[in-house]
Amino acid sequence: MTLEAIRYSRGSLQILDQLLLPQQSHYEAVGSAIHAMKVWGTPAITLVGCLSLAMELQTGTGGLGLAALVAFVRDKLSFLVTTQPTAVNMAHPTRDLADAAARSAREGTTEEAVRERVIRCAKDMLEKDLRDNWSIGDLGAHHLDQVAPNGGKVTVPTHCNTNALATAGYGTDLGHAFCTKTWPYNQGARLMVFELAYEQIPATLIADSMVAAAMAHRGVSAVIVGADHMVANGNTANKVGTYQLAIVAKHHGIPFYMAALSSSCDLCLETSKEIIIEEHPSQKLTDVNGVWIAAPGIGVWNPAFDVTPHNLITGSIITELEVFAPEELRAALTTTISSKDGT
């Protein structure tokens, strides 16, 4: 059975409390899960937020009248986007869900019908996330056959958590893994390793600073990471530390791949200069379990993301639609999405 970050059925929504991993595997009803960081990964956070809204609508929350209901839906979803301003793939589905509510209201339907439209669309988002991540895994696995040594086993370093815990139930990472600890929140050590062990996939935990040594001495075939925000030229924001992985991979002649949903691609931005980079609290660097370890008065810079230039993505960008080279991204996605929409 695949590990699930989210368990949903109409009237019931539970999340796996990722703060308790790996010591405990505990599902709980959704409360302040996003702000308490009990849920990691933009797809999972987006789904928890949208499904939480669906739960509220099932209880009759949302004000009186169509206009008030549509405003309630839009305000809730707008607030959700503020929890992760760097990640564009949160903005797209939340906007689509808000637009679905507005379209339903314009059609002259009832308040109950608008509620049902939003509830159904939120459930559809969960099912689509599962399908899309299976597709990324399938396309990526076939593509990685090309870099496997003599058709053998692929050894893949990864960074942060891009598997099932960061999505709805099937992640966007591939192959045997060297997992970075991913300081300061330790998503690699706590989450990525937990899932790989659960799925009985061979994996080795390393410190973030050991990646170069692993590439030099451990027979690495390729590097695969996720992506939170990709712009038209292929520059990509992801968990801080991704940029240095790409530099080291290029030095060693190892292909560097991004595995990401097409909704992570923001074709409206020409360059990455306009991406908002969130910062974590300074205490995440100065404290360990509440104990101050840094010199008093030291300044702290603690960005949550960094940007990898497109010329360092020397493998490909693996999406649920197809596998693209960075320079093909804009034209390929525009053509593929248009053909799927029938335009």
Protein backbone atom coordinates (compact mmCIF):
# COMPACT_ATOMS: atom_id res chain seq x y z
CA MET A 1 0.00 0.00 0.00
CA THR A 2 1.37 3.41 -1.00
CA LEU A 3 2.01 5.87 1.82
CA GLU A 4 -0.60 8.65 1.79
CA ALA A 5 -0.13 12.21 2.99
CA ILE A 6 -3.89 12.84 2.66
CA ARG A 7 -6.90 10.63 3.32
CA TYR A 8 -10.14 12.07 1.99
CA SER A 9 -13.70 10.94 1.50
CA ARG A 10 -16.75 13.16 1.47
CA GLY A 11 -17.19 14.47 4.99
CA SER A 12 -13.80 13.23 6.20
CA LEU A 13 -10.32 14.71 5.75
CA GLN A 14 -7.23 13.49 7.57
CA ILE A 15 -3.55 14.28 7.10
CA LEU A 16 -0.45 12.40 8.14
CA ASP A 17 1.24 14.59 10.77
CA GLN A 18 4.69 14.88 9.24
CA LEU A 19 6.13 16.60 12.31
CA LEU A 20 5.82 13.29 14.16
CA LEU A 21 7.72 11.28 11.55
CA PRO A 22 9.64 9.04 11.72
CA GLN A 23 8.88 8.26 15.38
CA GLN A 24 5.10 8.09 14.88
CA SER A 25 2.79 7.54 11.92
CA HIS A 26 -0.37 9.35 12.97
CA TYR A 27 -3.31 10.66 10.94
CA GLU A 28 -5.38 13.50 12.36
CA ALA A 29 -8.25 15.73 11.35
CA VAL A 30 -7.14 18.91 9.63
CA GLY A 31 -6.83 21.95 11.87
CA SER A 32 -3.84 24.29 11.69
CA ALA A 33 -1.85 21.69 9.77
CA ILE A 34 -0.42 24.02 7.12
CA HIS A 35 0.82 26.81 9.39
CA ALA A 36 2.07 24.25 11.93
CA MET A 37 4.03 22.65 9.04
CA LYS A 38 2.47 19.23 9.63
CA VAL A 39 2.07 19.02 5.85
CA TRP A 40 5.02 19.54 3.49
CA GLY A 41 5.15 19.99 -0.27
CA THR A 42 3.16 22.42 -2.37
CA PRO A 43 0.84 19.83 -4.00
CA ALA A 44 -0.12 18.36 -0.61
CA ILE A 45 -0.55 21.80 0.99
CA THR A 46 -2.73 22.92 -1.93
CA LEU A 47 -4.90 19.83 -1.71
CA VAL A 48 -5.29 20.06 2.06
CA GLY A 49 -6.35 23.69 1.73
CA CYS A 50 -8.84 23.05 -1.08
CA LEU A 51 -10.29 19.93 0.54
CA SER A 52 -10.59 21.81 3.85
CA LEU A 53 -12.63 24.41 1.99
CA ALA A 54 -14.81 21.62 0.59
CA MET A 55 -15.37 20.35 4.13
CA GLU A 56 -16.43 23.83 5.26
CA LEU A 57 -18.87 24.14 2.37
CA GLN A 58 -20.42 20.79 3.24
CA THR A 59 -21.35 22.18 6.66
CA GLY A 60 -23.08 25.20 5.10
CA THR A 61 -20.35 27.77 5.82
CA GLY A 62 -19.94 30.63 3.40
CA GLY A 63 -22.48 33.37 3.99
CA LEU A 64 -25.91 33.98 2.50
CA GLY A 65 -26.45 34.37 -1.22
CA LEU A 66 -24.41 33.55 -4.30
CA ALA A 67 -22.22 36.67 -4.22
CA ALA A 68 -21.25 36.10 -0.58
CA LEU A 69 -20.51 32.43 -1.23
CA VAL A 70 -18.28 33.16 -4.24
CA ALA A 71 -16.43 35.84 -2.24
CA PHE A 72 -15.98 33.39 0.65
CA VAL A 73 -14.45 30.78 -1.67
CA ARG A 74 -12.14 33.29 -3.35
CA ASP A 75 -10.99 34.82 -0.05
CA LYS A 76 -10.22 31.42 1.47
CA LEU A 77 -8.21 30.35 -1.57
CA SER A 78 -6.39 33.69 -1.79
CA PHE A 79 -5.29 33.28 1.81
CA LEU A 80 -4.06 29.75 1.07
CA VAL A 81 -1.74 31.07 -1.66
CA THR A 82 -0.07 33.40 0.86
CA THR A 83 1.25 30.38 2.78
CA GLN A 84 3.71 29.60 -0.05
CA PRO A 85 4.29 32.63 -2.29
CA THR A 86 7.28 31.05 -4.06
CA ALA A 87 5.31 28.08 -5.41
CA VAL A 88 3.34 28.90 -8.57
CA ASN A 89 1.69 25.47 -8.69
CA MET A 90 -0.41 26.53 -5.71
CA ALA A 91 -1.70 29.65 -7.46
CA HIS A 92 -2.94 27.85 -10.59
CA PRO A 93 -5.28 25.23 -9.07
CA THR A 94 -6.63 27.60 -6.41
CA ARG A 95 -7.42 30.17 -9.10
CA ASP A 96 -9.14 27.49 -11.18
CA LEU A 97 -11.25 26.43 -8.20
CA ALA A 98 -12.27 30.02 -7.44
CA ASP A 99 -13.13 30.56 -11.11
CA ALA A 100 -15.27 27.40 -11.10
CA ALA A 101 -17.34 28.84 -8.25
CA ALA A 102 -17.71 32.18 -10.05
CA ARG A 103 -18.73 30.52 -13.35
CA SER A 104 -21.30 28.39 -11.59
CA ALA A 105 -22.80 31.49 -9.95
CA ARG A 106 -22.94 33.36 -13.27
CA GLU A 107 -24.91 30.50 -14.78
CA GLY A 108 -27.79 31.48 -12.51
CA THR A 109 -27.65 28.32 -10.45
CA THR A 110 -28.45 27.87 -6.76
CA GLU A 111 -26.15 28.39 -3.79
CA GLU A 112 -26.23 24.65 -3.12
CA ALA A 113 -25.16 23.93 -6.71
CA VAL A 114 -22.15 26.25 -6.33
CA ARG A 115 -21.16 24.44 -3.15
CA GLU A 116 -21.41 21.10 -4.93
CA ARG A 117 -19.34 22.37 -7.87
CA VAL A 118 -16.51 23.44 -5.56
CA ILE A 119 -16.67 20.21 -3.54
CA ARG A 120 -16.57 18.11 -6.71
CA CYS A 121 -13.73 20.15 -8.23
CA ALA A 122 -11.65 19.79 -5.05
CA LYS A 123 -12.09 16.01 -5.15
CA ASP A 124 -11.18 16.03 -8.86
CA MET A 125 -7.96 17.89 -7.96
CA LEU A 126 -6.97 15.08 -5.60
CA GLU A 127 -7.59 12.42 -8.24
CA LYS A 128 -5.73 14.43 -10.90
CA ASP A 129 -2.73 14.86 -8.60
CA LEU A 130 -2.48 11.08 -8.24
CA ARG A 131 -2.72 10.52 -12.00
CA ASP A 132 -0.19 13.24 -12.78
CA ASN A 133 2.38 11.91 -10.37
CA TRP A 134 2.04 8.38 -11.69
CA SER A 135 2.63 9.84 -15.15
CA ILE A 136 5.77 11.70 -14.03
CA GLY A 137 7.12 8.51 -12.49
CA ASP A 138 6.39 6.47 -15.59
CA LEU A 139 7.85 8.98 -18.06
CA GLY A 140 10.88 9.58 -15.86
CA ALA A 141 11.58 5.88 -15.38
CA HIS A 142 11.57 5.26 -19.13
CA HIS A 143 13.78 8.28 -19.72
CA LEU A 144 16.29 7.24 -17.05
CA ASP A 145 16.83 3.93 -18.82
CA GLN A 146 19.00 5.98 -21.18
CA VAL A 147 21.47 6.92 -18.42
CA ALA A 148 21.54 3.56 -16.64
CA PRO A 149 25.02 2.01 -16.89
CA ASN A 150 24.75 -0.92 -19.31
CA GLY A 151 21.05 -1.17 -18.64
CA GLY A 152 21.69 -1.69 -14.92
CA LYS A 153 20.61 0.04 -11.74
CA VAL A 154 20.23 3.82 -11.61
CA THR A 155 21.72 5.60 -8.57
CA VAL A 156 20.04 8.95 -7.97
CA PRO A 157 20.75 11.67 -5.38
CA THR A 158 17.74 13.78 -4.50
CA HIS A 159 17.03 16.75 -2.25
CA CYS A 160 14.22 17.54 0.20
CA ASN A 161 11.03 15.45 -0.17
CA THR A 162 9.49 14.90 -3.59
CA ASN A 163 7.75 11.57 -3.05
CA ALA A 164 4.26 10.66 -1.81
CA LEU A 165 4.39 12.77 1.36
CA ALA A 166 4.84 15.91 -0.74
CA THR A 167 1.98 15.03 -3.07
CA ALA A 168 -1.32 13.19 -2.66
CA GLY A 169 0.01 9.66 -2.67
CA TYR A 170 2.58 8.99 -5.39
CA GLY A 171 5.60 11.21 -5.59
CA THR A 172 7.67 12.85 -8.26
CA ASP A 173 11.04 11.27 -7.57
CA LEU A 174 12.59 8.17 -9.12
CA GLY A 175 15.10 5.39 -8.59
CA HIS A 176 17.59 4.32 -5.90
CA ALA A 177 18.29 7.38 -3.81
CA PHE A 178 21.02 9.18 -1.94
CA CYS A 179 18.85 11.44 0.23
CA THR A 180 20.24 14.70 1.54
CA LYS A 181 19.34 15.49 5.14
CA THR A 182 17.96 18.85 3.87
CA TRP A 183 18.83 21.24 6.66
CA PRO A 184 17.27 23.08 8.51
CA TYR A 185 13.89 21.26 8.52
CA ASN A 186 15.45 17.86 7.75
CA GLN A 187 12.76 16.82 5.27
CA GLY A 188 15.17 14.41 3.63
CA ALA A 189 16.11 12.67 6.88
CA ARG A 190 12.62 12.64 8.39
CA LEU A 191 10.30 12.35 5.38
CA MET A 192 12.08 11.18 2.24
CA VAL A 193 13.97 8.39 4.00
CA PHE A 194 10.84 7.36 5.91
CA GLU A 195 8.88 6.93 2.71
CA LEU A 196 11.61 5.08 0.83
CA ALA A 197 11.99 2.68 3.75
CA TYR A 198 8.20 2.23 3.83
CA GLU A 199 8.22 1.38 0.12
CA GLN A 200 11.31 -0.84 0.59
CA ILE A 201 13.33 1.17 -1.93
CA PRO A 202 17.11 1.11 -1.32
CA ALA A 203 18.32 4.48 -0.05
CA THR A 204 21.27 6.09 1.73
CA LEU A 205 21.06 9.20 3.91
CA ILE A 206 23.84 11.78 3.50
CA ALA A 207 24.47 15.29 4.81
CA ASP A 208 23.80 18.16 2.41
CA SER A 209 27.56 18.81 2.24
CA MET A 210 28.34 15.23 1.09
CA VAL A 211 26.75 15.41 -2.36
CA ALA A 212 29.99 16.18 -4.20
CA ALA A 213 31.75 13.24 -2.55
CA ALA A 214 28.83 10.94 -3.41
CA MET A 215 29.01 11.97 -7.06
CA ALA A 216 32.76 11.43 -7.13
CA HIS A 217 32.84 8.05 -5.40
CA ARG A 218 29.42 6.36 -5.37
CA GLY A 219 28.58 5.77 -9.01
CA VAL A 220 25.82 8.36 -9.34
CA SER A 221 23.90 8.05 -12.64
CA ALA A 222 21.73 11.17 -12.50
CA VAL A 223 20.37 13.78 -10.10
CA ILE A 224 16.61 14.32 -9.78
CA VAL A 225 14.91 17.05 -7.75
CA GLY A 226 11.48 18.62 -7.69
CA ALA A 227 10.49 22.16 -8.63
CA ASP A 228 8.29 24.76 -6.97
CA HIS A 229 8.41 27.52 -9.59
CA MET A 230 9.75 27.29 -13.14
CA VAL A 231 9.75 30.28 -15.50
CA ALA A 232 9.60 30.46 -19.29
CA ASN A 233 13.36 30.17 -19.89
CA GLY A 234 13.62 27.09 -17.65
CA ASN A 235 15.14 28.76 -14.57
CA THR A 236 13.70 26.96 -11.56
CA ALA A 237 13.14 27.71 -7.87
CA ASN A 238 13.27 24.74 -5.52
CA LYS A 239 14.33 23.90 -1.97
CA VAL A 240 17.49 25.82 -1.07
CA GLY A 241 20.52 23.67 -1.85
CA THR A 242 19.21 22.59 -5.24
CA TYR A 243 21.38 25.15 -7.05
CA GLN A 244 24.60 23.78 -5.58
CA LEU A 245 23.55 20.22 -6.47
CA ALA A 246 23.19 21.33 -10.09
CA ILE A 247 26.63 22.98 -10.09
CA VAL A 248 28.29 19.89 -8.65
CA ALA A 249 26.45 17.60 -11.08
CA LYS A 250 27.65 19.64 -14.05
CA HIS A 251 31.23 19.51 -12.77
CA HIS A 252 31.04 15.71 -12.65
CA GLY A 253 29.27 15.39 -16.00
CA ILE A 254 26.17 13.89 -14.38
CA PRO A 255 22.76 14.75 -15.92
CA PHE A 256 20.58 16.93 -13.70
CA TYR A 257 16.80 16.52 -13.97
CA MET A 258 13.81 18.43 -12.66
CA ALA A 259 10.66 16.36 -12.02
CA ALA A 260 7.67 18.65 -11.70
CA LEU A 261 4.02 19.12 -12.53
CA SER A 262 3.38 21.33 -15.55
CA SER A 263 1.46 23.64 -13.18
CA SER A 264 4.88 24.52 -11.69
CA CYS A 265 5.74 26.24 -14.98
CA ASP A 266 4.95 29.95 -15.05
CA LEU A 267 5.20 30.90 -18.71
CA CYS A 268 4.14 34.47 -17.88
CA LEU A 269 7.52 35.16 -16.26
CA GLU A 270 10.45 35.53 -18.63
CA THR A 271 13.15 35.27 -15.96
CA SER A 272 13.45 34.14 -12.35
CA LYS A 273 14.15 37.65 -11.02
CA GLU A 274 10.45 38.09 -10.25
CA ILE A 275 10.11 34.90 -8.18
CA ILE A 276 9.41 35.68 -4.52
CA ILE A 277 11.87 33.75 -2.34
CA GLU A 278 10.48 32.95 1.10
CA GLU A 279 12.71 32.97 4.16
CA HIS A 280 12.57 30.65 7.16
CA PRO A 281 12.82 31.99 10.74
CA SER A 282 16.37 32.70 11.88
CA GLN A 283 15.90 30.35 14.85
CA LYS A 284 16.02 27.38 12.48
CA LEU A 285 19.74 28.08 12.05
CA THR A 286 20.66 29.43 15.46
CA ASP A 287 18.75 26.87 17.59
CA VAL A 288 18.71 23.08 17.89
CA ASN A 289 15.66 21.77 19.77
CA GLY A 290 15.29 25.14 21.44
CA VAL A 291 18.95 25.35 22.51
CA TRP A 292 20.89 28.36 21.17
CA ILE A 293 24.09 27.17 19.46
CA ALA A 294 25.22 30.24 17.49
CA ALA A 295 27.27 33.21 18.66
CA PRO A 296 25.02 35.87 20.27
CA GLY A 297 24.11 38.71 17.92
CA ILE A 298 25.10 36.88 14.73
CA GLY A 299 23.17 37.85 11.61
CA VAL A 300 21.17 35.14 9.82
CA TRP A 301 20.12 34.70 6.20
CA ASN A 302 17.85 31.67 5.84
CA PRO A 303 16.12 31.49 2.42
CA ALA A 304 13.75 28.58 1.88
CA PHE A 305 14.45 28.33 -1.87
CA ASP A 306 17.15 29.04 -4.42
CA VAL A 307 17.04 29.32 -8.22
CA THR A 308 18.81 26.92 -10.56
CA PRO A 309 19.66 28.47 -13.97
CA HIS A 310 18.30 26.54 -16.96
CA ASN A 311 21.77 25.85 -18.37
CA LEU A 312 22.50 23.66 -15.32
CA ILE A 313 19.46 21.44 -16.00
CA THR A 314 21.60 19.22 -18.21
CA GLY A 315 19.18 16.29 -18.25
CA SER A 316 15.57 17.23 -18.88
CA ILE A 317 12.43 18.56 -17.24
CA ILE A 318 10.09 15.64 -16.52
CA THR A 319 6.41 16.62 -16.36
CA GLU A 320 3.20 14.62 -16.38
CA LEU A 321 2.73 15.63 -20.03
CA GLU A 322 6.13 14.80 -21.50
CA VAL A 323 9.88 15.10 -20.98
CA PHE A 324 11.27 18.42 -22.24
CA ALA A 325 14.66 20.08 -22.59
CA PRO A 326 14.70 23.47 -20.77
CA GLU A 327 14.97 25.40 -24.03
CA GLU A 328 11.88 23.56 -25.35
CA LEU A 329 9.75 24.32 -22.30
CA ARG A 330 7.80 27.37 -23.45
CA ALA A 331 6.92 26.11 -26.94
CA ALA A 332 6.31 22.52 -25.84
CA LEU A 333 4.02 23.36 -22.94
CA THR A 334 2.10 25.95 -24.94
CA THR A 335 1.50 23.43 -27.74
CA THR A 336 0.74 20.47 -25.46
CA ILE A 337 -1.66 22.33 -23.18
CA SER A 338 -3.44 23.94 -26.15
CA SER A 339 -3.93 20.55 -27.83
CA LYS A 340 -5.33 19.06 -24.62
CA ASP A 341 -7.73 21.99 -24.30
CA GLY A 342 -8.78 21.54 -27.92
CA THR A 343 -7.70 25.05 -28.92
